[in-house]
Structures are given as structure tokens and as C-alpha cells.
Amino acid sequence: MKGTLLCFALGLAISAAAQETTGTLLGQAQRECGDDEAATATFRAAAALFDQVGAGILADGPAPIVAARPRPGGLTEREVEVVRLVAKGLSNQEIATALFLSVKTVSRHLSNIFTKIGVTSRAAATAFAFEHGLMERGRTNE
């Protein structure tokens, strides 16, 4: 088809839009695993595909890779996002909606967070978020 790029990995044909999205997700996964060099290359390749089809990358898309800030308690970036939303008072359902996750996935993230930071409640996780600089004091409703 005209205007369609094909990807033959695993014998599947994927449209340009799917390749761009897949590239962006792969870059995020690589960044999450600490492979910033591969993530940068993947993001650049995805950006080139977006340009080829005349689409721009949204300003709130993947941020450029800079020196990673250490995350307290061994939390992943996604777990930090979840604990921040918990600290803002969101329910599991609201967190799931905000992050495009299932409620079960949010529950799993919370279980992992509680284990990693050694707490047993949302209130204690909220205190942890403030004590470790994950939240700006006085600004919980961004």
C-alpha cells in the first residue's frame, strides 16, 4: 500500500503509525531498563518515521534523555508516577485512568512500591513521597 511502511520482524506487517508508536514504547522501555544510549537511538528512529509521514511528536512525548535522577527506594519511574498520584489522593481507579493502566496493574504497582519502601499504607507511601522529594511541598494539585 502507498504510504505504508512494512516491518517484517516476526513476519508481521506494521503500518508506519504502529512502527512510530512501537519505537516510542521501545525507547521508553529501554530508558526504564537503564539503556539510555539505545533509548536515544530508538527515539530518533521513531521521530524520523513521524517526520516521514508528516506527523510531529507531541511536546509532552518522551522527554530528551538527560542524566537520570536517582529514584529513592529502588522505585522504577512508573512506580514514582504511581506513588505521586497516591500522594495526591487519587484512588486506584483514578490512577489507572490517568496512566492508561488497568486497576489490577495499579494494585500490583502499589504492592511493589509498599514492599520496596517498607510501608503498609497509602498514608505512609504519601509521607515517603514527600520525605524523599517526589512531591513539591504545597503543590499536590498540579
Protein backbone atom coordinates (compact mmCIF):
# COMPACT_ATOMS: atom_id res chain seq x y z
CA MET A 1 0.00 0.00 0.00
CA LYS A 2 1.15 3.51 -0.79
CA GLY A 3 2.33 5.39 2.27
CA THR A 4 2.64 2.27 4.37
CA LEU A 5 5.95 1.09 5.69
CA LEU A 6 6.28 -2.59 6.39
CA CYS A 7 8.08 -4.22 9.23
CA PHE A 8 8.85 -7.87 8.66
CA ALA A 9 10.05 -8.64 12.19
CA LEU A 10 8.26 -11.82 13.23
CA GLY A 11 6.61 -11.89 9.82
CA LEU A 12 4.20 -9.08 10.72
CA ALA A 13 3.40 -6.08 8.57
CA ILE A 14 3.02 -2.98 10.70
CA SER A 15 1.85 0.39 9.43
CA ALA A 16 4.03 3.46 9.82
CA ALA A 17 1.91 4.70 12.70
CA ALA A 18 2.31 1.42 14.53
CA GLN A 19 6.08 1.49 13.90
CA GLU A 20 6.31 5.02 15.32
CA THR A 21 4.30 4.09 18.37
CA THR A 22 6.23 0.85 18.84
CA GLY A 23 9.52 2.73 18.52
CA THR A 24 8.43 5.23 21.13
CA LEU A 25 7.33 2.47 23.53
CA LEU A 26 10.54 0.53 22.92
CA GLY A 27 12.56 3.66 23.65
CA GLN A 28 10.67 4.15 26.90
CA ALA A 29 11.30 0.53 27.88
CA GLN A 30 14.99 0.85 27.05
CA ARG A 31 15.22 4.02 29.13
CA GLU A 32 13.40 2.32 32.02
CA CYS A 33 15.95 -0.52 31.88
CA GLY A 34 18.79 1.99 32.04
CA ASP A 35 19.94 1.69 28.41
CA ASP A 36 19.91 5.42 27.63
CA GLU A 37 22.09 5.07 24.53
CA ALA A 38 19.74 2.57 22.88
CA ALA A 39 16.71 4.60 24.00
CA THR A 40 18.09 7.74 22.37
CA ALA A 41 18.70 5.89 19.10
CA THR A 42 15.22 4.35 19.18
CA PHE A 43 13.56 7.72 19.89
CA ARG A 44 15.47 9.28 16.98
CA ALA A 45 14.35 6.48 14.65
CA ALA A 46 10.72 6.91 15.77
CA ALA A 47 10.98 10.68 15.26
CA ALA A 48 12.28 10.12 11.73
CA LEU A 49 9.29 7.88 10.96
CA PHE A 50 6.91 10.52 12.36
CA ASP A 51 8.58 13.08 10.07
CA GLN A 52 8.26 10.78 7.04
CA VAL A 53 4.51 10.60 7.42
CA GLY A 54 4.17 14.29 8.23
CA ALA A 55 3.30 13.87 11.88
CA GLY A 56 5.03 15.70 14.68
CA ILE A 57 5.93 14.34 18.05
CA LEU A 58 3.81 15.88 20.78
CA ALA A 59 5.56 18.24 23.16
CA ASP A 60 4.55 16.06 26.09
CA GLY A 61 6.01 12.96 24.44
CA PRO A 62 9.18 11.30 25.63
CA ALA A 63 11.49 13.82 27.21
CA PRO A 64 15.05 14.06 25.98
CA ILE A 65 17.40 11.82 27.86
CA VAL A 66 19.41 13.64 30.47
CA ALA A 67 21.35 12.38 33.42
CA ALA A 68 18.90 10.20 35.28
CA ARG A 69 17.95 11.34 38.75
CA PRO A 70 18.33 8.62 41.31
CA ARG A 71 14.95 7.34 42.45
CA PRO A 72 14.51 6.57 46.14
CA GLY A 73 13.81 3.09 47.41
CA GLY A 74 14.76 1.47 44.11
CA LEU A 75 11.46 2.57 42.57
CA THR A 76 11.02 2.47 38.81
CA GLU A 77 9.92 5.62 37.00
CA ARG A 78 6.39 4.18 36.67
CA GLU A 79 6.28 3.40 40.39
CA VAL A 80 7.31 7.00 41.10
CA GLU A 81 4.41 8.17 38.91
CA VAL A 82 2.02 5.92 40.83
CA VAL A 83 3.24 6.98 44.29
CA ARG A 84 2.95 10.65 43.28
CA LEU A 85 -0.67 10.11 42.30
CA VAL A 86 -1.33 8.24 45.54
CA ALA A 87 0.15 11.22 47.40
CA LYS A 88 -2.26 13.50 45.53
CA GLY A 89 -5.13 11.43 46.95
CA LEU A 90 -6.17 9.56 43.80
CA SER A 91 -7.89 6.18 44.07
CA ASN A 92 -6.60 3.13 42.22
CA GLN A 93 -9.31 3.64 39.58
CA GLU A 94 -8.31 7.29 39.11
CA ILE A 95 -4.63 6.35 38.87
CA ALA A 96 -5.47 3.65 36.32
CA THR A 97 -7.38 6.17 34.22
CA ALA A 98 -4.65 8.81 34.47
CA LEU A 99 -1.88 6.39 33.45
CA PHE A 100 -3.90 4.28 30.98
CA LEU A 101 -3.45 1.16 33.08
CA SER A 102 -5.81 -1.44 34.47
CA VAL A 103 -6.80 -1.22 38.12
CA LYS A 104 -5.09 -4.59 38.65
CA THR A 105 -1.83 -3.20 37.29
CA VAL A 106 -2.08 -0.20 39.61
CA SER A 107 -2.68 -2.59 42.53
CA ARG A 108 0.41 -4.58 41.53
CA HIS A 109 2.49 -1.39 41.31
CA LEU A 110 1.29 -0.37 44.79
CA SER A 111 2.17 -3.77 46.21
CA ASN A 112 5.67 -3.48 44.72
CA ILE A 113 6.03 0.09 45.98
CA PHE A 114 4.95 -0.84 49.52
CA THR A 115 7.46 -3.71 49.57
CA LYS A 116 10.34 -1.63 48.19
CA ILE A 117 9.88 1.31 50.53
CA GLY A 118 8.85 -0.75 53.56
CA VAL A 119 5.38 0.67 54.18
CA THR A 120 1.94 -0.85 54.57
CA SER A 121 -0.41 2.03 53.80
CA ARG A 122 -1.16 4.76 51.29
CA ALA A 123 -0.61 7.35 54.03
CA ALA A 124 2.90 6.01 54.70
CA ALA A 125 3.62 5.96 50.95
CA THR A 126 2.46 9.59 50.78
CA ALA A 127 4.81 10.51 53.63
CA PHE A 128 7.64 8.70 51.81
CA ALA A 129 6.90 10.67 48.63
CA PHE A 130 7.20 13.99 50.48
CA GLU A 131 10.19 12.96 52.59
CA HIS A 132 12.14 11.84 49.51
CA GLY A 133 11.40 14.85 47.32
CA LEU A 134 9.00 13.14 44.96
CA MET A 135 6.42 15.87 45.60
CA GLU A 136 6.77 19.61 45.74
CA ARG A 137 5.67 20.82 49.14
CA GLY A 138 2.46 22.82 48.96
CA ARG A 139 1.73 21.69 45.39
CA THR A 140 -0.22 18.44 45.26
CA ASN A 141 -2.84 19.53 42.72
CA GLU A 142 -0.84 20.01 39.53
